[in-house]
Protein backbone atom coordinates (compact mmCIF):
# COMPACT_ATOMS: atom_id res chain seq x y z
CA MET A 1 23.04 -26.30 150.44
CA MET A 2 21.87 -23.17 148.74
CA ILE A 3 24.59 -20.68 147.78
CA ARG A 4 23.67 -17.23 148.24
CA HIS A 5 25.31 -14.50 145.91
CA ALA A 6 26.32 -11.17 147.36
CA PRO A 7 24.16 -8.47 146.10
CA PRO A 8 26.02 -6.32 143.28
CA ILE A 9 27.55 -3.04 144.29
CA VAL A 10 25.69 -0.09 142.91
CA LEU A 11 27.44 3.10 142.81
CA PRO A 12 25.48 6.18 143.26
CA ALA A 13 24.73 7.89 140.00
CA GLY A 14 27.08 10.77 140.72
CA ARG A 15 30.09 8.72 141.47
CA SER A 16 29.57 6.43 138.45
CA ARG A 17 29.56 9.52 136.21
CA LEU A 18 32.67 10.95 137.85
CA LEU A 19 34.53 7.53 137.34
CA ALA A 20 33.40 7.44 133.67
CA ALA A 21 34.60 11.07 133.16
CA ILE A 22 38.06 10.34 134.72
CA LEU A 23 38.63 7.32 132.47
CA LEU A 24 37.38 9.26 129.41
CA LEU A 25 39.66 12.11 130.25
CA GLY A 26 42.73 9.75 130.74
CA LEU A 27 41.88 8.04 127.35
CA ALA A 28 41.73 11.35 125.67
CA GLY A 29 44.97 12.45 127.07
CA LEU A 30 46.68 9.24 125.99
CA THR A 31 45.12 9.66 122.53
CA GLY A 32 46.29 13.41 122.38
CA ARG A 33 49.88 12.50 123.53
CA ALA A 34 50.07 9.72 120.95
CA ALA A 35 48.82 12.10 118.18
CA TYR A 36 51.29 14.63 119.30
CA LEU A 37 54.36 12.32 119.22
CA GLN A 38 53.27 10.44 116.18
CA GLY A 39 52.53 13.65 114.26
CA MET A 40 53.91 16.93 115.54
CA HIS A 41 56.95 15.50 117.42
CA ASN A 42 57.81 12.64 115.12
CA GLY A 43 61.44 13.60 114.86
CA PHE A 44 62.29 13.07 118.55
CA LEU A 45 60.91 9.44 118.49
CA LYS A 46 62.75 8.84 115.07
CA GLN A 47 65.90 10.22 116.55
CA LYS A 48 65.73 8.10 119.62
CA GLY A 49 64.83 4.94 117.59
CA GLU A 50 67.70 5.47 115.14
CA SER A 51 70.23 6.02 118.04
CA ARG A 52 69.71 2.37 118.89
CA TYR A 53 71.01 1.20 115.69
CA SER A 54 72.02 4.00 113.46
CA ARG A 55 75.38 5.92 113.57
CA VAL A 56 77.00 8.62 111.44
CA LEU A 57 80.71 8.05 111.02
CA GLU A 58 83.28 10.61 109.69
CA MET A 59 85.27 9.66 106.69
CA SER A 60 88.79 10.89 106.62
CA ALA A 61 90.03 12.85 103.53
CA ASP A 62 93.40 11.98 102.11
CA ARG A 63 95.89 14.68 102.83
CA GLY A 64 97.69 16.02 99.76
CA MET A 65 101.09 14.83 98.90
CA ILE A 66 104.17 17.10 99.04
CA THR A 67 106.80 16.53 96.29
CA ASP A 68 110.01 18.31 95.11
CA ARG A 69 110.10 20.07 91.89
CA HIS A 70 110.63 16.83 89.87
CA GLY A 71 107.83 14.91 91.51
CA GLU A 72 109.85 13.12 94.10
CA LEU A 73 107.78 12.34 97.21
CA LEU A 74 108.73 14.28 100.18
CA ALA A 75 105.50 13.74 102.18
CA ILE A 76 102.74 11.23 101.98
CA SER A 77 99.91 10.21 104.38
CA THR A 78 99.65 6.30 104.79
CA PRO A 79 96.52 4.53 106.16
CA VAL A 80 96.62 3.26 109.59
CA GLU A 81 94.06 1.83 112.04
CA SER A 82 93.02 3.50 115.31
CA LEU A 83 91.24 1.67 118.10
CA TRP A 84 87.99 3.31 119.40
CA SER A 85 85.06 2.31 121.48
CA SER A 86 81.44 3.05 122.26
CA PRO A 87 81.57 2.68 126.06
CA GLN A 88 77.91 1.93 126.48
CA ASP A 89 78.19 -1.11 123.98
CA VAL A 90 81.22 -2.61 125.54
CA GLN A 91 80.60 -6.24 126.68
CA ALA A 92 84.22 -7.28 127.34
CA THR A 93 85.22 -10.05 129.81
CA PRO A 94 88.14 -9.16 132.26
CA GLU A 95 90.35 -11.57 130.21
CA GLN A 96 89.59 -9.80 127.02
CA LEU A 97 90.42 -6.38 128.55
CA LYS A 98 93.73 -7.70 129.89
CA LYS A 99 94.76 -9.10 126.51
CA LEU A 100 93.66 -5.90 124.84
CA ALA A 101 95.65 -3.64 127.30
CA SER A 102 98.73 -6.01 126.62
CA LEU A 103 98.30 -5.67 122.83
CA VAL A 104 98.14 -1.92 122.65
CA GLU A 105 100.54 -1.46 125.44
CA MET A 106 98.28 0.49 127.63
CA ASP A 107 97.61 0.15 131.46
CA ILE A 108 94.45 -1.74 131.98
CA GLU A 109 93.26 0.74 134.50
CA GLU A 110 93.46 3.48 131.86
CA ILE A 111 91.26 1.56 129.41
CA ARG A 112 88.77 0.76 132.08
CA LYS A 113 88.69 4.61 132.84
CA ARG A 114 88.01 5.38 129.18
CA LEU A 115 85.25 2.76 129.04
CA SER A 116 83.58 4.08 132.07
CA GLY A 117 82.30 7.21 130.56
CA ARG A 118 78.99 7.92 128.84
CA ARG A 119 80.24 9.39 125.63
CA ASP A 120 79.25 7.51 122.35
CA PHE A 121 82.80 7.69 120.99
CA VAL A 122 86.32 7.48 122.84
CA TYR A 123 89.75 6.66 121.20
CA LEU A 124 91.69 3.93 123.16
CA LYS A 125 94.75 3.94 120.95
CA ARG A 126 95.84 5.79 117.93
CA HIS A 127 97.69 4.61 114.94
CA LEU A 128 98.15 0.90 115.50
CA SER A 129 100.60 -1.09 113.31
CA PRO A 130 98.97 -3.49 110.93
CA ASP A 131 99.95 -6.55 112.77
CA ILE A 132 98.57 -5.18 116.17
CA ALA A 133 95.38 -4.10 114.50
CA ALA A 134 94.87 -7.65 113.25
CA LYS A 135 95.39 -9.20 116.56
CA VAL A 136 92.85 -6.70 118.10
CA VAL A 137 90.29 -7.77 115.46
CA GLU A 138 90.84 -11.50 116.63
CA LEU A 139 89.87 -10.69 120.19
CA ASN A 140 86.51 -9.86 118.98
CA VAL A 141 85.55 -7.51 121.80
CA PRO A 142 81.92 -6.20 121.60
CA GLY A 143 81.88 -2.38 121.32
CA VAL A 144 85.47 -1.98 120.35
CA PHE A 145 86.29 -1.11 116.81
CA LEU A 146 88.97 0.03 114.45
CA LYS A 147 88.79 3.28 112.55
CA ARG A 148 90.80 4.05 109.36
CA GLU A 149 93.05 7.21 109.71
CA PHE A 150 96.29 8.51 108.12
CA ARG A 151 99.70 9.01 109.35
CA ARG A 152 102.10 11.36 107.66
CA TYR A 153 105.39 9.76 106.30
CA TYR A 154 108.49 11.66 105.18
CA PRO A 155 110.70 9.52 102.89
CA ALA A 156 113.77 12.08 103.06
CA GLY A 157 113.62 12.13 106.79
CA GLU A 158 116.12 14.57 108.23
CA LEU A 159 117.06 16.01 104.83
CA THR A 160 113.82 18.09 104.36
CA ALA A 161 112.60 18.15 107.95
CA HIS A 162 112.91 21.80 108.51
CA MET A 163 111.28 22.68 105.16
CA LEU A 164 108.34 20.36 105.34
CA GLY A 165 107.80 20.59 109.31
CA PHE A 166 105.31 17.82 110.37
CA THR A 167 101.65 16.92 111.45
CA ASP A 168 100.07 15.89 114.57
CA VAL A 169 98.15 12.75 115.45
CA ASP A 170 95.25 14.08 113.69
CA ASP A 171 97.22 14.75 110.51
CA LYS A 172 97.06 18.27 110.88
CA GLY A 173 100.04 20.51 110.08
CA GLN A 174 102.09 21.81 113.07
CA GLU A 175 105.25 23.26 111.49
CA GLY A 176 106.84 24.27 108.13
CA ILE A 177 105.02 23.78 104.80
CA GLU A 178 102.56 21.31 106.52
CA LEU A 179 101.21 24.31 108.70
CA ALA A 180 101.69 27.08 106.02
CA TRP A 181 99.33 25.19 103.50
CA GLN A 182 97.37 23.33 105.92
CA ASN A 183 94.10 24.33 104.19
CA GLU A 184 95.11 23.33 100.95
CA LEU A 185 96.78 19.96 102.07
CA ALA A 186 94.11 18.97 104.41
CA GLY A 187 90.96 18.62 102.06
CA GLN A 188 87.55 18.11 103.66
CA PRO A 189 86.37 15.08 105.55
CA GLY A 190 83.24 13.14 104.58
CA SER A 191 80.49 11.27 106.48
CA ARG A 192 78.35 8.20 106.15
CA ARG A 193 75.40 6.71 107.82
CA VAL A 194 75.63 3.03 109.06
CA ILE A 195 73.55 0.47 110.71
CA ARG A 196 74.80 -1.62 113.70
CA ASP A 197 73.72 -4.70 115.45
CA ARG A 198 73.13 -5.07 119.27
CA LYS A 199 76.88 -5.77 119.75
CA GLY A 200 77.84 -2.55 118.04
CA SER A 201 79.15 -4.11 114.88
CA ILE A 202 78.45 -2.45 111.62
CA VAL A 203 76.20 -4.57 109.37
CA GLU A 204 75.13 -2.24 106.75
CA ASP A 205 76.20 1.13 105.01
CA VAL A 206 72.96 3.11 104.64
CA GLU A 207 74.16 6.16 102.74
CA SER A 208 76.89 8.56 102.09
CA ILE A 209 76.01 11.89 103.64
CA ARG A 210 79.13 13.72 102.32
CA ALA A 211 81.89 12.43 100.12
CA PRO A 212 85.39 13.26 101.32
CA LYS A 213 87.38 15.77 99.38
CA SER A 214 91.09 14.93 98.85
CA GLY A 215 93.64 17.63 99.77
CA LYS A 216 95.66 19.44 97.09
CA ASN A 217 99.10 18.16 96.15
CA LEU A 218 102.02 20.57 96.49
CA ALA A 219 105.03 20.77 94.33
CA LEU A 220 107.95 22.47 96.16
CA SER A 221 110.70 24.46 94.57
CA ILE A 222 113.23 22.11 96.37
CA ASP A 223 115.39 19.87 94.14
CA SER A 224 116.10 16.81 96.24
CA ARG A 225 119.45 16.15 94.63
CA ILE A 226 120.72 19.64 95.57
CA GLN A 227 119.04 19.48 98.85
CA TYR A 228 121.21 16.16 99.50
CA PHE A 229 124.37 17.92 98.43
CA ALA A 230 123.76 20.74 100.81
CA TYR A 231 122.81 18.44 103.72
CA ARG A 232 125.91 16.09 103.22
CA GLU A 233 128.41 19.08 102.98
CA LEU A 234 127.03 21.21 105.83
CA LYS A 235 126.96 18.09 108.13
CA GLN A 236 130.56 17.34 107.24
CA ALA A 237 131.55 20.96 107.92
CA VAL A 238 129.71 21.20 111.17
CA GLU A 239 131.42 18.15 112.45
CA ALA A 240 134.87 18.92 111.12
CA ASN A 241 134.76 22.54 112.46
CA LYS A 242 132.93 21.50 115.79
CA ALA A 243 130.18 24.06 115.01
CA LYS A 244 127.18 24.62 117.28
CA ALA A 245 124.96 24.82 114.18
CA GLY A 246 124.85 25.56 110.52
CA GLY A 247 122.58 26.25 107.54
CA VAL A 248 122.75 26.42 103.70
CA VAL A 249 120.28 28.09 101.35
CA VAL A 250 120.49 27.58 97.54
CA LEU A 251 118.30 29.81 95.29
CA ASP A 252 117.79 29.68 91.59
CA ALA A 253 119.49 32.94 90.55
CA GLN A 254 117.08 33.39 87.71
CA THR A 255 113.72 32.76 89.44
CA GLY A 256 114.37 33.18 93.18
CA GLU A 257 113.12 29.67 93.80
CA VAL A 258 114.45 27.90 96.93
CA LEU A 259 116.26 24.78 95.55
CA ALA A 260 117.62 23.63 98.83
CA LEU A 261 117.42 24.64 102.50
CA VAL A 262 119.34 22.87 105.15
CA ASN A 263 119.70 23.42 108.94
CA LEU A 264 121.68 21.56 111.48
CA PRO A 265 121.09 20.16 114.00
CA ALA A 266 118.15 18.43 112.33
CA TYR A 267 115.59 15.86 113.55
CA ASN A 268 113.64 12.86 112.01
CA PRO A 269 110.02 13.93 111.48
CA ASN A 270 109.07 10.15 111.38
CA ASN A 271 110.34 9.61 114.89
CA ARG A 272 110.20 12.81 116.98
CA THR A 273 111.05 11.32 120.36
CA ARG A 274 114.45 13.09 120.35
CA MET A 275 113.24 16.32 119.02
CA ASN A 276 113.61 19.60 121.06
CA GLY A 277 112.97 23.30 120.34
CA GLY A 278 116.41 23.81 119.02
CA ARG A 279 116.46 21.00 116.57
CA ALA A 280 112.79 21.89 115.20
CA ARG A 281 113.72 25.41 114.40
CA ASN A 282 114.16 26.44 110.80
CA ARG A 283 117.15 28.55 111.72
CA ALA A 284 117.53 29.80 108.01
CA LEU A 285 114.29 31.71 108.37
CA THR A 286 113.55 32.11 112.02
CA ASP A 287 116.77 32.91 113.37
CA VAL A 288 118.77 36.32 112.85
CA PHE A 289 122.51 37.15 113.03
CA GLU A 290 124.75 39.95 112.32
CA PRO A 291 126.08 39.16 108.64
CA GLY A 292 129.44 40.72 109.06
CA SER A 293 131.39 41.52 105.79
CA THR A 294 128.85 39.93 103.43
CA LEU A 295 127.09 43.39 103.77
CA LYS A 296 130.15 45.31 102.31
CA PRO A 297 128.90 44.82 98.75
CA PHE A 298 125.72 46.71 99.51
CA THR A 299 127.68 49.62 100.87
CA ILE A 300 129.85 49.81 97.67
CA ALA A 301 126.78 49.57 95.59
CA ALA A 302 125.15 52.50 97.51
CA ALA A 303 128.46 54.54 96.91
CA LEU A 304 128.54 53.72 93.18
CA GLU A 305 124.81 54.62 92.75
CA THR A 306 125.35 58.08 94.09
CA GLY A 307 128.25 58.73 91.86
CA GLY A 308 130.56 59.68 94.75
CA VAL A 309 133.07 56.86 93.92
CA THR A 310 134.14 54.54 91.19
CA PRO A 311 135.70 51.04 91.31
CA ASP A 312 139.16 52.72 91.05
CA THR A 313 138.77 55.43 93.69
CA VAL A 314 141.44 55.02 96.39
CA PHE A 315 141.12 55.00 100.12
CA GLU A 316 143.75 55.10 102.61
CA THR A 317 143.47 52.15 105.18
CA ALA A 318 146.73 52.26 106.82
CA PRO A 319 147.58 51.74 109.62
CA GLY A 320 144.68 49.30 109.88
CA THR A 321 142.66 51.28 112.44
CA PHE A 322 140.20 54.03 112.16
CA SER A 323 138.96 56.03 115.14
CA ILE A 324 135.29 57.48 115.35
CA GLY A 325 135.02 59.35 118.64
CA LYS A 326 135.98 56.96 121.47
CA ALA A 327 135.56 53.78 119.20
CA THR A 328 138.13 52.23 116.91
CA ILE A 329 137.57 50.20 113.84
CA ARG A 330 140.27 47.49 112.92
CA ASP A 331 141.12 45.54 109.98
CA ALA A 332 141.99 41.80 110.35
CA HIS A 333 145.03 42.47 108.26
CA LYS A 334 146.83 45.67 107.77
CA GLU A 335 146.85 47.22 104.19
CA GLY A 336 147.75 50.73 102.76
CA LEU A 337 145.97 52.52 99.76
CA LEU A 338 143.22 50.32 98.44
CA THR A 339 140.76 50.96 95.61
CA VAL A 340 137.12 50.47 96.17
CA ALA A 341 137.43 47.09 94.45
CA GLN A 342 140.25 46.11 96.73
CA VAL A 343 138.19 47.01 99.67
CA ILE A 344 135.87 44.18 98.83
CA GLN A 345 138.69 41.96 97.71
CA LYS A 346 140.63 42.34 101.03
CA SER A 347 137.43 42.91 103.12
CA SER A 348 138.71 46.12 104.66
CA ASN A 349 136.49 47.23 107.53
CA VAL A 350 138.33 50.63 107.52
CA GLY A 351 137.92 51.08 103.80
CA SER A 352 134.14 50.20 104.02
CA ALA A 353 133.64 52.38 107.02
CA LYS A 354 135.32 55.48 105.15
CA ILE A 355 133.10 54.82 102.12
CA ALA A 356 129.83 54.58 104.28
CA LEU A 357 130.64 57.73 106.03
CA SER A 358 130.98 59.63 102.70
CA LEU A 359 127.46 58.75 102.07
CA PRO A 360 124.28 60.49 103.45
CA PRO A 361 122.71 57.97 106.03
CA GLN A 362 119.59 57.85 104.08
CA ALA A 363 121.47 56.61 100.89
CA LEU A 364 122.89 53.62 102.76
CA TRP A 365 119.69 52.88 104.67
CA GLU A 366 117.60 52.86 101.42
CA MET A 367 120.12 50.48 99.74
CA LEU A 368 119.76 48.00 102.61
CA SER A 369 115.97 48.44 102.81
CA ASP A 370 115.64 47.99 99.05
CA ALA A 371 117.74 44.89 99.17
CA GLY A 372 115.14 43.38 101.52
CA PHE A 373 116.73 43.73 104.92
CA GLY A 374 114.37 44.58 107.68
CA THR A 375 111.37 42.99 106.03
CA SER A 376 110.14 39.56 105.45
CA THR A 377 111.18 37.84 102.28
CA GLY A 378 107.44 36.87 101.70
CA SER A 379 108.02 33.16 101.50
CA GLY A 380 104.90 32.38 103.53
CA PHE A 381 106.97 30.20 105.94
CA PRO A 382 105.46 30.26 109.46
CA GLY A 383 107.48 32.08 111.85
CA GLU A 384 109.80 33.89 109.25
CA VAL A 385 111.55 36.86 110.78
CA SER A 386 111.83 40.29 109.28
CA GLY A 387 115.32 40.99 110.74
CA LYS A 388 116.20 44.32 112.06
CA LEU A 389 117.18 47.52 110.38
CA ARG A 390 117.01 50.52 112.45
CA PRO A 391 115.83 53.91 110.94
CA HIS A 392 118.58 55.98 109.60
CA ARG A 393 117.66 58.97 111.61
CA THR A 394 118.71 57.31 114.75
CA TRP A 395 122.31 56.34 113.41
CA ARG A 396 125.40 57.94 115.00
CA PRO A 397 128.46 58.15 112.87
CA ILE A 398 129.95 54.96 114.50
CA GLU A 399 126.74 53.14 113.91
CA GLN A 400 126.79 54.11 110.19
CA ALA A 401 130.30 53.07 109.90
CA THR A 402 129.85 49.60 111.43
CA MET A 403 126.57 49.07 109.59
CA SER A 404 128.71 49.09 106.39
CA TYR A 405 130.35 45.92 107.40
CA GLY A 406 127.36 44.16 108.95
CA HIS A 407 127.37 45.07 112.40
CA GLY A 408 124.21 46.78 114.12
CA ILE A 409 121.87 44.96 111.73
CA ALA A 410 120.21 41.57 111.96
CA VAL A 411 119.29 39.39 108.93
CA SER A 412 118.26 35.81 108.36
CA LEU A 413 120.17 33.44 105.99
CA LEU A 414 117.43 33.49 103.56
CA GLN A 415 117.31 37.25 103.35
CA LEU A 416 121.11 37.36 102.93
CA ALA A 417 120.85 34.74 100.02
CA ARG A 418 118.01 36.72 98.44
CA ALA A 419 119.75 40.10 98.68
CA TYR A 420 122.62 38.81 96.57
CA THR A 421 120.31 38.41 93.63
CA LEU A 422 120.85 41.97 93.26
CA PHE A 423 124.30 41.19 91.77
CA SER A 424 123.50 37.88 90.21
CA ALA A 425 120.29 39.45 88.33
CA GLU A 426 122.08 42.51 87.28
CA GLY A 427 120.25 44.97 89.66
CA GLU A 428 117.04 43.14 90.13
CA LEU A 429 115.89 41.71 93.57
CA LYS A 430 114.10 38.52 93.01
CA PRO A 431 110.99 37.42 94.73
CA VAL A 432 111.56 34.21 96.88
CA SER A 433 109.36 31.15 96.31
CA LEU A 434 109.05 27.78 98.17
CA LEU A 435 106.69 26.42 95.55
CA ARG A 436 107.74 25.45 92.01
CA LEU A 437 107.20 28.18 89.45
CA ASP A 438 105.98 27.42 86.01
CA ALA A 439 106.80 30.79 84.61
CA PRO A 440 109.79 33.27 84.91
CA THR A 441 109.60 35.96 87.68
CA VAL A 442 110.37 39.64 87.22
CA GLY A 443 112.28 41.19 90.08
CA LYS A 444 112.33 44.66 91.46
CA ARG A 445 114.85 46.94 89.93
CA VAL A 446 116.98 48.26 92.97
CA ILE A 447 120.35 49.27 91.19
CA SER A 448 121.47 50.00 87.84
CA ARG A 449 122.84 47.11 85.57
CA ASP A 450 126.25 48.88 85.58
CA THR A 451 126.44 49.12 89.24
CA ALA A 452 125.42 45.41 89.57
CA LEU A 453 128.13 44.36 87.18
CA ALA A 454 130.91 46.49 88.74
CA VAL A 455 130.18 44.87 92.11
CA SER A 456 130.07 41.44 90.69
CA ARG A 457 133.42 41.99 89.18
CA MET A 458 134.67 42.89 92.68
CA LEU A 459 133.08 39.79 94.23
CA GLU A 460 134.91 37.66 91.62
CA MET A 461 138.12 39.06 93.04
CA VAL A 462 137.20 37.67 96.50
CA ALA A 463 137.81 34.01 95.33
CA GLN A 464 141.01 34.96 93.30
CA PRO A 465 144.53 34.95 94.54
CA GLY A 466 144.86 37.79 97.07
CA GLY A 467 141.21 37.65 98.03
CA THR A 468 139.76 36.31 101.33
CA ALA A 469 137.97 33.10 99.81
CA PRO A 470 140.29 31.18 97.39
CA LYS A 471 138.64 27.99 98.83
CA ALA A 472 135.42 29.16 97.11
CA GLN A 473 136.93 28.37 93.62
CA ILE A 474 135.43 25.71 91.31
CA ASN A 475 137.03 23.94 88.56
CA GLY A 476 135.78 25.25 85.23
CA TYR A 477 133.70 28.11 86.70
CA ARG A 478 133.97 31.64 87.69
CA VAL A 479 132.88 32.40 91.13
CA ALA A 480 131.70 35.68 92.71
CA GLY A 481 130.94 35.90 96.58
CA LYS A 482 131.77 37.41 99.86
CA THR A 483 133.01 36.25 103.26
CA GLY A 484 131.92 37.31 106.55
CA THR A 485 133.04 36.70 110.04
CA ALA A 486 131.19 38.38 112.88
CA HIS A 487 131.69 38.19 116.62
CA LYS A 488 128.56 36.93 118.32
CA LEU A 489 126.43 39.23 120.63
CA GLU A 490 126.76 38.38 124.21
CA GLY A 491 125.05 40.46 126.92
CA ASN A 492 125.43 44.26 125.90
CA GLY A 493 128.56 43.57 123.95
CA TYR A 494 130.29 41.05 121.66
CA ALA A 495 131.73 37.70 122.74
CA LYS A 496 135.60 37.49 122.23
CA ASN A 497 135.89 34.01 120.95
CA ARG A 498 132.46 33.08 119.49
CA TYR A 499 131.82 33.76 115.84
CA LEU A 500 129.33 33.44 113.06
CA SER A 501 131.11 32.45 109.81
CA THR A 502 129.52 33.02 106.45
CA PHE A 503 129.93 33.09 102.75
CA VAL A 504 127.48 34.14 100.14
CA GLY A 505 128.03 33.76 96.44
CA TYR A 506 126.91 32.81 92.96
CA ALA A 507 128.18 30.96 89.87
CA PRO A 508 128.84 30.91 86.94
CA ALA A 509 129.69 34.51 87.42
CA SER A 510 129.25 35.33 83.76
CA ARG A 511 125.69 34.04 83.78
CA PRO A 512 124.51 33.16 87.35
CA ARG A 513 122.63 29.84 87.86
CA PHE A 514 122.69 29.46 91.65
CA VAL A 515 123.04 31.84 94.68
CA ILE A 516 124.22 29.94 97.77
CA ALA A 517 124.52 31.24 101.33
CA VAL A 518 126.33 29.31 103.99
CA MET A 519 126.54 29.98 107.72
CA LEU A 520 128.28 28.10 110.49
CA ASP A 521 127.55 29.05 114.13
CA GLU A 522 130.49 28.95 116.60
CA PRO A 523 133.01 26.88 114.66
CA SER A 524 135.52 25.77 117.42
CA ALA A 525 138.09 23.50 115.80
CA GLY A 526 140.64 26.35 115.33
CA GLN A 527 139.36 28.07 112.14
CA TYR A 528 136.55 30.52 112.21
CA PHE A 529 137.04 32.86 109.23
CA GLY A 530 134.32 32.73 106.71
CA GLY A 531 136.84 31.99 103.95
CA ALA A 532 138.31 29.14 105.79
CA VAL A 533 135.09 27.22 107.05
CA ALA A 534 132.18 28.44 104.95
CA ALA A 535 133.63 29.05 101.62
CA PRO A 536 134.59 25.35 101.09
CA VAL A 537 130.94 24.26 101.79
CA PHE A 538 129.82 26.77 99.18
CA SER A 539 132.48 25.47 96.68
CA ARG A 540 131.25 21.70 97.03
CA VAL A 541 127.69 22.41 97.01
CA MET A 542 127.90 24.70 94.05
CA ASP A 543 130.13 22.38 92.13
CA GLY A 544 127.66 19.42 92.64
CA ALA A 545 124.77 21.43 91.58
CA LEU A 546 126.37 22.93 88.44
CA ARG A 547 127.64 19.59 87.30
CA MET A 548 124.36 17.77 87.89
CA LEU A 549 122.50 20.22 85.85
CA ASN A 550 125.29 20.15 83.18
CA VAL A 551 125.64 24.02 83.41
CA PRO A 552 128.07 25.22 80.80
CA HIS A 553 131.58 26.13 81.82
CA ASP A 554 132.65 29.72 81.77
CA ALA A 555 136.22 29.08 82.76
CA PRO A 556 139.14 26.86 81.88
CA ILE A 557 139.00 23.41 83.61
CA ASN A 558 142.33 24.21 85.24
CA ASN A 559 141.31 27.59 86.50
CA VAL A 560 141.48 26.73 90.37
CA VAL A 561 144.60 28.11 91.93
CA SER A 562 146.31 25.99 94.55
CA PHE A 563 145.60 27.34 97.97
CA THR A 564 149.27 26.82 98.93
CA ALA A 565 150.52 28.65 95.66
CA VAL A 566 149.12 32.08 96.68
CA PRO A 567 149.20 33.90 100.00
CA GLU A 568 145.83 33.42 101.65
CA LEU A 569 144.23 36.27 103.74
CA LYS A 570 143.09 35.36 107.12
CA GLY A 571 139.65 36.86 106.58
CA ASP A 572 137.50 39.67 107.96
CA VAL A 573 136.17 40.54 111.36
């Protein structure tokens, strides 16, 4: 049988040329597109290709250490592992996810939720312990990795919590020194490019794009040994007197450096589960209070500077009351004729008020302002308050009188401690520093040397027989200081049975080495006068600091007079 072939299809000449033109046009378009992508838009293709196997990882910088003035570690960042994932690369079995959730103590649904996103990077769990991190590695879940991070650790715990503050989960400062010097401590993170396999595991380091720069180390002015003394004695006093809170500030009388700063209640910065707003506050810098009679030395200094009185000028304080308009000022204990020096020793409100009213309001205001009240100390601590000192033009006579013994003015404990450097530094107000100083500091001259020495002699009388603070005495050392007991503000007036008890002083009085301010908030165990509850804390902390640094004695070893051997004044309100 003969097979016949179908005749070939012959397109008309016009259609043939049209089809050829379409094919050539398509080929030209593909060629042009290829040339465009390969030549002019090469970066796009390269980026897409590299995204399949290349990744840029951040390299954490070491946060700077914080030490005390002698190099003792107060804060250090320790390496920890954090669990992260690239959701698009995860190839985990249900059993693996279940084990993973159990290991890191997370709900499995929460893990699934985080892995369902389209992001390239997501944290699953931060700061794993080393043993848990090792067990996670053993699971070998594709697309789940560990990242080296740092967690802040505070060796001293509660002792330095308020001074140092703390960092968050990203090792960024949130409070205290950690926040104030965040930029210096943090350093600068780096980055590196790596190649990963199809399971997401890193198989090669390609290059370091930017090397991490470690943070700067900080040496604080704090002396850990004195800090411990202050914490131990304050805690004992708060518990014994059933006080609501308390604080101690220790300054170097010669440089203004803060050698100790303690607040109670405190918290453990390594475990902040029990921390609340009250515990986290650095009360010595962020809270204000009426200082009571600890302000009387500044009234006397202003009067001595104007030349209106001398230490021997006599004022009548009988019968223990003094009326100004409808208001009456009272003494805690009735006296009669008192010299200016005895007004300080006996802590007479009446005497202080009469001395204040003998001054022009501006003279008293300038003294208080120049002593640092109403302005920040310049410590640089976050949230430090400036206190409250109203303009003298608004003062009424009763307000000028009560201002003389610490009512109608608000100060912080650090301000109060610093102000007493006027007397310990022979008339100079020392600047405050939270960092260790390598060179002596020059203070601001506020009062004359003669005035400062005269007030200092009066302050020594406070701790001697007949004064309000014999419990401030220290064996072998002369002590100068002043008690304060103030009713707490309540509504528009003062609470009847709620007090703030304070003592501020320095030693050795002949050549002061330390200034210490002590405050107890609402002591409620029966005693509340500053001489009874705050002065003993001063004595024990000062005694420990002086002996630890082998400060030479300036008094006989048996100079302390027994508290029962002399009549003890109740105190001052």
